[in-house]
């Protein structure tokens, strides 16, 4: 029986009060609630009458709540917890980009007369920001990093189980897709049914399965021992076939790119722990490739699993064509459609089609660069590139610091940087899943965790007098950047 909106609103109010009390007592619990809400909100949405899209924003609202509570609790310690004090250039870049997004949101209201559409755009572009602060605050030690990855990976295994239940024919409402079920038409295989399990769409399920597999790879190769490696490798073995059943090949490309970039960064590192992780990673990669080869080539012709393996086997062969046509090719198409200044935020974001937006714009915005031009225009794209440059410059300095810092944190930092780089590539080729608030919040938390690692080293290695001040830490980053430029 479907739940009514009134029931949902009452339940949301009660849960909000309970979570506020629990998080206010210990704000670190908020991370668990954020991840839990992100994975449960889609299943809950399927139970509500009309499947309202607003439920998919629950994780963003909860992240704002946790961020607000944390901001209040850390108000007395701004030097330690103030992100912009440690990374002033990144803080300024976020302010500039936020200003561009706000201006384009007003343009949305002018062009389409819809505050709701502008709100969708604000959610799509600004959701990562509170997630960044939550990740920055949460990761105080190396164990915090591993705890965050383990928690997310555990939810990822549950997503895989939901996909298997859907494929096996289990007739549960929470296993059905939101809206009209996606059916893929392949030129050779014909119709291929997709499965999303507990998530609302196959695209979303595949991304989370791919992300969980990447994090499990990190857990299996960092601080490796036999029991840990076997346990996490088995979890990867559970997730990989489920990715095939979603019918979305990009998750496999995510894993392959992640392993490739991670290996490259490890090889350039002079850190002993990173070199050990590199050896373990190569061994695990061989195992994953062997499993993929078995799944792709050893499935019998009459197996119901065959259409999925046959389709997935083309992912790397089609990668460059997709990148050039949908990624880079979307730039010219978007400029032709909307001109120089764009139409405003939310126009081609998820849910924008319900507000009278021209459906033909969706083709120009399938690639991430095209979407930016359609919504933010050429000026917005220039500002975004500048923001990415500022971030890349800071991360490059961090990589220099990582080479001289010991511990597993340096290896995890390289892994998380690899994960973020992979998602930039995926965004360029296909932007749809990056309109999902939970995906954006998670990416924000991962980026915040990356920024938290160097100050973590300072707390661990400096004397008891309080370690480096934020100003000294900024000087350390600049010195590392200078040494990198001289090499």
Protein backbone atom coordinates (compact mmCIF):
# COMPACT_ATOMS: atom_id res chain seq x y z
CA UNK A 1 0.00 0.00 0.00
CA UNK A 2 1.39 3.39 -1.02
CA UNK A 3 2.16 5.93 1.66
CA UNK A 4 0.54 9.36 1.36
CA UNK A 5 2.48 12.62 1.27
CA UNK A 6 0.99 13.62 4.63
CA UNK A 7 2.30 10.43 6.21
CA UNK A 8 5.70 10.97 4.64
CA UNK A 9 5.87 14.57 5.87
CA UNK A 10 4.98 13.52 9.42
CA UNK A 11 7.50 10.70 9.37
CA UNK A 12 10.21 13.00 7.98
CA UNK A 13 9.55 15.54 10.76
CA UNK A 14 9.79 12.89 13.48
CA UNK A 15 12.94 11.36 12.00
CA UNK A 16 14.45 14.83 11.60
CA UNK A 17 13.94 15.59 15.28
CA UNK A 18 15.34 12.21 16.38
CA UNK A 19 18.39 12.50 14.12
CA UNK A 20 18.99 16.09 15.27
CA UNK A 21 19.07 14.96 18.91
CA UNK A 22 21.40 12.03 18.18
CA UNK A 23 23.73 14.07 15.98
CA UNK A 24 23.79 17.01 18.39
CA UNK A 25 24.98 14.63 21.12
CA UNK A 26 27.71 13.23 18.84
CA UNK A 27 27.86 14.87 15.43
CA UNK A 28 30.08 12.10 13.98
CA UNK A 29 27.01 9.85 13.92
CA UNK A 30 25.76 12.14 11.19
CA UNK A 31 28.03 10.47 8.64
CA UNK A 32 26.28 7.15 9.22
CA UNK A 33 22.87 8.81 8.86
CA UNK A 34 23.95 10.56 5.65
CA UNK A 35 25.11 7.33 4.02
CA UNK A 36 22.09 5.43 5.31
CA UNK A 37 19.67 8.05 4.00
CA UNK A 38 21.43 8.10 0.64
CA UNK A 39 20.97 4.38 0.13
CA UNK A 40 17.48 4.09 1.67
CA UNK A 41 15.78 7.13 0.15
CA UNK A 42 15.25 5.52 -3.26
CA UNK A 43 13.60 2.43 -1.79
CA UNK A 44 11.40 4.62 0.39
CA UNK A 45 10.45 6.77 -2.60
CA UNK A 46 9.05 3.69 -4.35
CA UNK A 47 6.64 3.13 -1.46
CA UNK A 48 5.19 6.65 -1.58
CA UNK A 49 2.18 7.48 -3.71
CA UNK A 50 3.32 9.21 -6.90
CA UNK A 51 7.01 8.53 -6.21
CA UNK A 52 7.72 12.24 -5.50
CA UNK A 53 11.13 13.41 -6.69
CA UNK A 54 11.60 15.54 -3.57
CA UNK A 55 12.41 12.40 -1.55
CA UNK A 56 15.63 12.01 -3.57
CA UNK A 57 16.81 15.27 -2.02
CA UNK A 58 16.50 13.90 1.53
CA UNK A 59 20.22 13.13 1.74
CA UNK A 60 21.09 16.72 0.76
CA UNK A 61 18.78 18.10 3.47
CA UNK A 62 20.27 15.73 6.05
CA UNK A 63 23.80 16.72 5.02
CA UNK A 64 22.88 20.37 5.53
CA UNK A 65 21.52 19.48 8.97
CA UNK A 66 24.73 17.66 9.97
CA UNK A 67 26.83 20.48 8.53
CA UNK A 68 24.87 23.07 10.50
CA UNK A 69 25.23 21.13 13.77
CA UNK A 70 28.93 20.63 13.15
CA UNK A 71 29.39 24.31 12.32
CA UNK A 72 27.77 25.26 15.61
CA UNK A 73 29.89 22.82 17.62
CA UNK A 74 33.16 23.84 15.96
CA UNK A 75 32.45 27.55 16.19
CA UNK A 76 34.84 27.86 19.12
CA UNK A 77 37.74 26.26 17.22
CA UNK A 78 37.86 28.03 13.82
CA UNK A 79 41.61 27.70 13.33
CA UNK A 80 41.51 23.92 13.49
CA UNK A 81 38.24 23.31 11.64
CA UNK A 82 38.09 26.23 9.22
CA UNK A 83 38.64 24.80 5.75
CA UNK A 84 39.23 28.17 4.12
CA UNK A 85 41.93 29.00 6.68
CA UNK A 86 43.93 25.95 5.66
CA UNK A 87 43.12 26.24 1.94
CA UNK A 88 42.39 29.93 1.24
CA UNK A 89 42.67 29.60 -2.55
CA UNK A 90 40.09 26.81 -2.64
CA UNK A 91 37.79 28.78 -0.35
CA UNK A 92 37.91 31.80 -2.66
CA UNK A 93 37.33 29.61 -5.71
CA UNK A 94 34.19 28.13 -4.13
CA UNK A 95 32.86 31.61 -3.35
CA UNK A 96 33.33 32.73 -6.96
CA UNK A 97 31.73 29.58 -8.37
CA UNK A 98 28.84 29.87 -5.92
CA UNK A 99 28.25 33.42 -7.11
CA UNK A 100 28.08 32.26 -10.73
CA UNK A 101 25.58 29.54 -9.82
CA UNK A 102 23.38 31.98 -7.89
CA UNK A 103 23.39 34.42 -10.82
CA UNK A 104 22.44 31.67 -13.26
CA UNK A 105 19.68 30.52 -10.90
CA UNK A 106 18.15 33.99 -11.12
CA UNK A 107 18.43 33.72 -14.90
CA UNK A 108 16.42 30.48 -14.69
CA UNK A 109 13.63 32.31 -12.88
CA UNK A 110 13.65 35.06 -15.53
CA UNK A 111 13.64 32.63 -18.47
CA UNK A 112 11.21 30.01 -17.14
CA UNK A 113 9.41 31.69 -14.24
CA UNK A 114 10.06 28.71 -11.99
CA UNK A 115 11.66 28.94 -8.57
CA UNK A 116 11.48 25.14 -8.28
CA UNK A 117 13.56 24.71 -11.43
CA UNK A 118 16.14 27.15 -10.09
CA UNK A 119 16.16 25.17 -6.84
CA UNK A 120 16.91 21.96 -8.73
CA UNK A 121 19.86 23.71 -10.31
CA UNK A 122 21.15 25.00 -6.98
CA UNK A 123 20.89 21.49 -5.55
CA UNK A 124 22.78 20.02 -8.50
CA UNK A 125 25.71 22.43 -8.25
CA UNK A 126 25.96 23.17 -4.53
CA UNK A 127 25.21 19.75 -2.97
CA UNK A 128 28.92 18.80 -2.80
CA UNK A 129 29.84 21.84 -0.66
CA UNK A 130 28.36 20.75 2.71
CA UNK A 131 29.63 17.25 1.94
CA UNK A 132 33.15 18.65 1.59
CA UNK A 133 32.97 20.19 5.06
CA UNK A 134 31.54 16.99 6.59
CA UNK A 135 34.35 14.90 5.06
CA UNK A 136 36.92 17.48 6.19
CA UNK A 137 35.64 17.44 9.77
CA UNK A 138 35.10 13.68 10.01
CA UNK A 139 38.53 12.41 8.91
CA UNK A 140 40.71 13.24 11.89
CA UNK A 141 42.76 10.00 11.81
CA UNK A 142 43.65 7.29 9.31
CA UNK A 143 41.16 4.97 10.98
CA UNK A 144 38.40 7.49 10.24
CA UNK A 145 39.25 7.19 6.54
CA UNK A 146 39.05 3.42 6.59
CA UNK A 147 35.84 3.50 8.60
CA UNK A 148 34.20 5.78 6.03
CA UNK A 149 35.25 3.53 3.13
CA UNK A 150 34.17 0.35 4.93
CA UNK A 151 30.77 1.80 5.78
CA UNK A 152 30.09 2.88 2.22
CA UNK A 153 31.37 -0.44 0.78
CA UNK A 154 29.03 -2.35 3.12
CA UNK A 155 26.06 -0.45 1.71
CA UNK A 156 27.40 -1.16 -1.79
CA UNK A 157 27.22 -4.91 -1.16
CA UNK A 158 23.57 -4.49 -0.13
CA UNK A 159 22.91 -2.66 -3.42
CA UNK A 160 24.39 -5.65 -5.26
CA UNK A 161 22.12 -8.04 -3.36
CA UNK A 162 19.12 -5.94 -4.40
CA UNK A 163 20.17 -6.18 -8.06
CA UNK A 164 20.41 -9.97 -7.78
CA UNK A 165 16.97 -10.16 -6.20
CA UNK A 166 15.51 -8.08 -9.03
CA UNK A 167 17.19 -10.25 -11.68
CA UNK A 168 15.90 -13.42 -10.02
CA UNK A 169 12.33 -12.18 -10.43
CA UNK A 170 11.57 -11.21 -6.82
CA UNK A 171 8.38 -9.14 -7.00
CA UNK A 172 8.97 -6.46 -4.38
CA UNK A 173 7.95 -2.85 -4.86
CA UNK A 174 11.30 -1.62 -3.53
CA UNK A 175 13.09 -3.54 -6.30
CA UNK A 176 11.21 -1.88 -9.16
CA UNK A 177 12.53 1.15 -11.01
CA UNK A 178 11.09 4.59 -10.34
CA UNK A 179 8.91 5.67 -13.25
CA UNK A 180 9.05 3.75 -16.50
CA UNK A 181 11.55 0.89 -16.40
CA UNK A 182 14.64 1.39 -18.53
CA UNK A 183 15.02 -1.08 -21.39
CA UNK A 184 18.24 -0.95 -23.40
CA UNK A 185 18.18 -1.71 -27.09
CA UNK A 186 21.42 -3.16 -28.36
CA UNK A 187 22.06 -3.30 -32.14
CA UNK A 188 23.20 -6.92 -31.87
CA UNK A 189 21.46 -8.28 -28.78
CA UNK A 190 18.13 -6.49 -29.13
CA UNK A 191 16.24 -5.62 -25.94
CA UNK A 192 18.20 -5.97 -22.71
CA UNK A 193 16.32 -5.65 -19.42
CA UNK A 194 18.08 -3.58 -16.77
CA UNK A 195 17.95 -3.96 -12.99
CA UNK A 196 18.34 -1.32 -10.30
CA UNK A 197 17.54 -3.27 -7.13
CA UNK A 198 16.99 -0.99 -4.16
CA UNK A 199 18.10 2.10 -6.08
CA UNK A 200 15.70 4.08 -8.24
CA UNK A 201 17.44 3.60 -11.60
CA UNK A 202 20.11 1.31 -13.13
CA UNK A 203 22.38 4.31 -13.77
CA UNK A 204 22.42 5.18 -10.07
CA UNK A 205 22.85 1.56 -8.94
CA UNK A 206 25.75 1.00 -11.35
CA UNK A 207 27.60 4.12 -10.16
CA UNK A 208 27.34 3.12 -6.51
CA UNK A 209 28.42 -0.44 -7.30
CA UNK A 210 31.42 0.88 -9.21
CA UNK A 211 32.33 3.29 -6.40
CA UNK A 212 32.00 0.53 -3.79
CA UNK A 213 34.27 -1.72 -5.88
CA UNK A 214 36.89 1.05 -6.07
CA UNK A 215 36.81 1.56 -2.31
CA UNK A 216 37.02 -2.19 -1.70
CA UNK A 217 40.13 -2.26 -3.89
CA UNK A 218 41.65 0.41 -1.64
CA UNK A 219 40.71 -1.54 1.50
CA UNK A 220 42.12 -4.77 0.08
CA UNK A 221 45.48 -3.30 -0.95
CA UNK A 222 46.19 -0.79 1.84
CA UNK A 223 47.67 -2.24 5.03
CA UNK A 224 47.21 -5.66 3.39
CA UNK A 225 47.02 -8.93 5.29
CA UNK A 226 45.67 -12.25 4.10
CA UNK A 227 42.32 -12.26 5.92
CA UNK A 228 41.52 -8.64 5.05
CA UNK A 229 42.49 -9.10 1.40
CA UNK A 230 40.36 -12.25 1.07
CA UNK A 231 37.33 -10.63 2.72
CA UNK A 232 37.39 -7.51 0.57
CA UNK A 233 38.19 -9.49 -2.59
CA UNK A 234 35.11 -11.65 -1.99
CA UNK A 235 33.02 -8.49 -1.65
CA UNK A 236 34.38 -7.30 -5.01
CA UNK A 237 33.44 -10.68 -6.49
CA UNK A 238 29.86 -10.11 -5.27
CA UNK A 239 29.65 -6.62 -6.76
CA UNK A 240 31.15 -7.15 -10.24
CA UNK A 241 28.43 -9.47 -11.66
CA UNK A 242 25.76 -7.12 -10.29
CA UNK A 243 27.26 -4.29 -12.34
CA UNK A 244 26.67 -6.36 -15.48
CA UNK A 245 23.01 -6.85 -14.54
CA UNK A 246 22.39 -3.11 -14.33
CA UNK A 247 23.12 -2.92 -18.06
CA UNK A 248 25.23 0.22 -17.50
CA UNK A 249 28.77 -0.32 -18.69
CA UNK A 250 30.26 2.91 -17.34
CA UNK A 251 30.75 1.38 -13.90
CA UNK A 252 33.17 -1.14 -15.39
CA UNK A 253 35.01 1.71 -17.09
CA UNK A 254 35.13 3.47 -13.71
CA UNK A 255 36.87 0.51 -12.09
CA UNK A 256 39.36 0.07 -14.94
CA UNK A 257 40.28 3.75 -15.03
CA UNK A 258 40.57 3.86 -11.26
CA UNK A 259 43.00 0.96 -11.14
CA UNK A 260 45.07 2.44 -13.98
CA UNK A 261 45.35 5.92 -12.45
CA UNK A 262 45.95 4.52 -8.96
CA UNK A 263 48.82 2.31 -10.18
CA UNK A 264 50.42 5.26 -11.99
CA UNK A 265 50.26 7.50 -8.92
CA UNK A 266 51.65 4.73 -6.73
CA UNK A 267 54.59 4.19 -9.05
CA UNK A 268 55.54 7.85 -8.86
CA UNK A 269 55.40 7.80 -5.07
CA UNK A 270 58.57 7.35 -3.02
CA UNK A 271 56.56 6.18 -0.02
CA UNK A 272 57.32 2.60 1.09
CA UNK A 273 53.72 1.86 2.05
CA UNK A 274 52.58 3.09 -1.35
CA UNK A 275 55.01 0.73 -3.10
CA UNK A 276 53.69 -2.20 -1.03
CA UNK A 277 50.14 -1.22 -1.96
CA UNK A 278 51.19 -1.08 -5.62
CA UNK A 279 52.30 -4.71 -5.55
CA UNK A 280 49.06 -5.80 -3.85
CA UNK A 281 47.01 -3.70 -6.28
CA UNK A 282 48.60 -5.26 -9.35
CA UNK A 283 47.88 -8.73 -7.96
CA UNK A 284 44.26 -7.79 -7.23
CA UNK A 285 43.88 -6.22 -10.67
CA UNK A 286 45.01 -9.45 -12.29
CA UNK A 287 42.36 -11.29 -10.28
CA UNK A 288 39.64 -8.80 -11.27
CA UNK A 289 40.58 -8.99 -14.95
CA UNK A 290 40.53 -12.78 -14.78
CA UNK A 291 37.05 -12.68 -13.27
CA UNK A 292 35.81 -10.24 -15.91
CA UNK A 293 37.27 -12.46 -18.64
CA UNK A 294 35.50 -15.48 -17.16
CA UNK A 295 32.18 -13.66 -16.87
CA UNK A 296 32.41 -12.34 -20.42
CA UNK A 297 33.70 -15.35 -22.35
CA UNK A 298 32.62 -18.41 -20.41
CA UNK A 299 28.89 -17.76 -20.21
CA UNK A 300 26.91 -20.24 -22.32
CA UNK A 301 24.94 -18.93 -25.27
CA UNK A 302 21.58 -19.90 -23.75
CA UNK A 303 22.33 -18.38 -20.35
CA UNK A 304 20.09 -15.47 -19.28
CA UNK A 305 23.29 -13.75 -18.15
CA UNK A 306 24.77 -13.79 -21.66
CA UNK A 307 23.19 -10.53 -22.98
CA UNK A 308 24.73 -8.60 -20.08
CA UNK A 309 28.22 -10.00 -20.50
CA UNK A 310 28.12 -9.54 -24.27
CA UNK A 311 27.10 -5.91 -23.92
CA UNK A 312 29.66 -5.22 -21.19
CA UNK A 313 32.48 -6.65 -23.32
CA UNK A 314 32.22 -3.60 -25.62
CA UNK A 315 32.74 -0.98 -22.90
CA UNK A 316 36.40 -0.25 -23.56
CA UNK A 317 36.10 -0.53 -27.35
CA UNK A 318 33.40 2.17 -27.38
CA UNK A 319 35.06 4.38 -24.77
CA UNK A 320 36.95 6.77 -27.07
CA UNK A 321 34.01 7.19 -29.45
CA UNK A 322 31.75 8.05 -26.54
CA UNK A 323 34.30 10.46 -25.06
CA UNK A 324 34.80 12.31 -28.34
CA UNK A 325 31.17 12.42 -29.48
CA UNK A 326 29.23 12.84 -26.23
CA UNK A 327 32.01 14.45 -24.23
CA UNK A 328 33.92 16.88 -26.40
CA UNK A 329 31.30 16.89 -29.15
CA UNK A 330 28.63 18.19 -26.78
CA UNK A 331 30.42 21.55 -26.52
CA UNK A 332 29.67 22.66 -30.07
CA UNK A 333 26.10 21.33 -29.91
CA UNK A 334 25.41 23.18 -26.67
CA UNK A 335 26.80 26.49 -27.96
CA UNK A 336 24.69 26.13 -31.10
CA UNK A 337 21.55 25.51 -29.01
CA UNK A 338 21.82 28.17 -26.30
CA UNK A 339 24.53 30.64 -27.28
CA UNK A 340 27.11 32.27 -25.01
CA UNK A 341 25.40 32.89 -21.65
CA UNK A 342 23.37 29.71 -21.15
CA UNK A 343 19.76 29.35 -19.98
CA UNK A 344 20.20 29.00 -16.22
CA UNK A 345 20.70 26.31 -13.62
CA UNK A 346 18.43 23.27 -13.50
CA UNK A 347 17.37 23.50 -17.14
CA UNK A 348 18.81 20.11 -18.08
CA UNK A 349 19.30 18.69 -14.59
CA UNK A 350 17.35 15.67 -13.37
CA UNK A 351 13.71 16.73 -13.00
CA UNK A 352 14.03 19.73 -15.32
CA UNK A 353 11.94 17.99 -17.96
CA UNK A 354 8.83 18.53 -15.78
CA UNK A 355 9.03 22.33 -16.15
CA UNK A 356 8.49 22.81 -19.87
CA UNK A 357 12.14 22.69 -20.91
CA UNK A 358 12.80 21.84 -24.57
CA UNK A 359 13.53 18.10 -24.70
CA UNK A 360 16.05 18.62 -27.53
CA UNK A 361 18.38 20.32 -25.05
CA UNK A 362 18.89 16.98 -23.32
CA UNK A 363 20.96 15.71 -26.25
CA UNK A 364 23.28 18.71 -26.06
CA UNK A 365 23.66 18.22 -22.32
CA UNK A 366 24.30 14.47 -22.18
CA UNK A 367 28.00 15.21 -21.90
CA UNK A 368 29.07 17.12 -18.81
CA UNK A 369 30.72 19.98 -20.69
CA UNK A 370 27.58 20.44 -22.77
CA UNK A 371 25.46 20.54 -19.63
CA UNK A 372 27.65 23.24 -18.09
CA UNK A 373 27.36 25.38 -21.23
CA UNK A 374 23.59 24.93 -21.47
CA UNK A 375 23.05 25.93 -17.82
CA UNK A 376 25.99 28.19 -16.92
CA UNK A 377 27.13 29.34 -20.36
CA UNK A 378 30.68 29.85 -21.56
CA UNK A 379 31.50 32.15 -18.57
CA UNK A 380 30.39 29.42 -16.17
CA UNK A 381 32.54 26.85 -17.96
CA UNK A 382 35.57 29.16 -17.74
CA UNK A 383 35.02 29.69 -14.01
CA UNK A 384 34.61 25.94 -13.45
CA UNK A 385 37.85 25.20 -15.29
CA UNK A 386 39.59 27.80 -13.14
CA UNK A 387 38.18 26.20 -9.96
CA UNK A 388 39.45 22.80 -11.11
CA UNK A 389 42.86 24.35 -11.79
CA UNK A 390 43.00 25.79 -8.26
CA UNK A 391 42.04 22.41 -6.81
CA UNK A 392 44.53 20.54 -9.01
CA UNK A 393 47.33 22.91 -7.99
CA UNK A 394 46.60 22.30 -4.32
CA UNK A 395 46.35 18.54 -4.76
CA UNK A 396 49.64 18.51 -6.65
CA UNK A 397 51.28 20.13 -3.65
CA UNK A 398 49.64 17.52 -1.43
CA UNK A 399 51.08 14.75 -3.59
CA UNK A 400 54.53 16.23 -2.99
CA UNK A 401 53.86 16.14 0.75
CA UNK A 402 52.58 12.56 0.47
CA UNK A 403 55.90 11.39 -0.98
CA UNK A 404 57.66 12.36 2.22
CA UNK A 405 54.96 11.25 4.65
CA UNK A 406 54.61 7.72 5.93
CA UNK A 407 51.61 5.64 6.86
CA UNK A 408 48.62 4.27 5.03
CA UNK A 409 47.04 7.73 4.84
CA UNK A 410 49.35 8.69 1.98
CA UNK A 411 48.25 5.64 -0.02
CA UNK A 412 44.57 6.28 0.68
CA UNK A 413 45.00 9.90 -0.42
CA UNK A 414 46.41 8.72 -3.77
CA UNK A 415 43.46 6.34 -4.11
CA UNK A 416 40.84 9.00 -3.38
CA UNK A 417 42.51 11.43 -5.79
CA UNK A 418 42.39 8.69 -8.44
CA UNK A 419 38.68 8.20 -7.72
CA UNK A 420 37.95 11.92 -8.14
CA UNK A 421 39.92 12.07 -11.39
CA UNK A 422 37.94 9.12 -12.77
CA UNK A 423 34.66 10.85 -12.00
CA UNK A 424 35.75 13.98 -13.83
CA UNK A 425 36.26 11.81 -16.93
CA UNK A 426 32.88 10.13 -16.40
CA UNK A 427 31.16 13.50 -16.00
CA UNK A 428 32.56 14.68 -19.31
CA UNK A 429 31.19 11.62 -21.12
CA UNK A 430 27.83 11.28 -19.33
CA UNK A 431 26.46 13.77 -16.81
CA UNK A 432 23.10 12.20 -15.88
CA UNK A 433 24.12 10.40 -12.70
CA UNK A 434 25.93 13.51 -11.45
CA UNK A 435 22.59 15.21 -10.99
CA UNK A 436 21.83 12.80 -8.15
CA UNK A 437 22.23 14.58 -4.77
CA UNK A 438 23.63 11.50 -3.02
CA UNK A 439 26.34 11.06 -5.66
CA UNK A 440 27.27 14.72 -5.31
CA UNK A 441 27.31 14.62 -1.51
CA UNK A 442 29.52 11.53 -1.55
CA UNK A 443 31.98 13.10 -3.99
CA UNK A 444 32.08 16.15 -1.74
CA UNK A 445 32.85 13.97 1.29
CA UNK A 446 35.64 12.20 -0.60
CA UNK A 447 37.18 15.51 -1.64
CA UNK A 448 36.89 16.80 1.92
CA UNK A 449 38.66 13.64 3.13
CA UNK A 450 41.52 14.29 0.69
CA UNK A 451 41.93 17.81 2.06
CA UNK A 452 41.88 16.48 5.63
CA UNK A 453 44.84 14.12 5.22
CA UNK A 454 47.80 16.60 5.24
CA UNK A 455 46.56 18.39 8.40
CA UNK A 456 46.14 14.90 9.85
CA UNK A 457 49.86 14.32 9.32
CA UNK A 458 50.62 17.61 11.05
CA UNK A 459 48.62 16.58 14.11
CA UNK A 460 50.39 13.22 14.20
CA UNK A 461 53.96 14.37 13.67
CA UNK A 462 54.24 17.86 15.17
CA UNK A 463 55.12 18.36 18.83
CA UNK A 464 52.65 18.75 21.66
CA UNK A 465 52.69 22.55 21.39
CA UNK A 466 49.78 22.45 18.99
CA UNK A 467 51.33 21.62 15.61
CA UNK A 468 51.24 23.92 12.64
CA UNK A 469 49.00 26.94 12.52
CA UNK A 470 46.80 27.23 9.41
CA UNK A 471 49.09 29.99 8.13
CA UNK A 472 52.14 27.72 8.57
CA UNK A 473 50.32 24.88 6.86
CA UNK A 474 49.53 27.13 3.88
CA UNK A 475 53.24 28.06 3.75
CA UNK A 476 54.12 24.35 3.78
CA UNK A 477 51.84 23.77 0.80
CA UNK A 478 53.37 26.69 -1.10
CA UNK A 479 56.88 25.39 -0.38
CA UNK A 480 55.90 21.94 -1.62
CA UNK A 481 54.45 23.49 -4.79
CA UNK A 482 57.66 25.46 -5.33
CA UNK A 483 59.80 22.34 -4.94
CA UNK A 484 57.55 20.53 -7.41
CA UNK A 485 57.96 23.33 -9.98
CA UNK A 486 61.76 23.28 -9.64
CA UNK A 487 62.00 19.54 -10.29
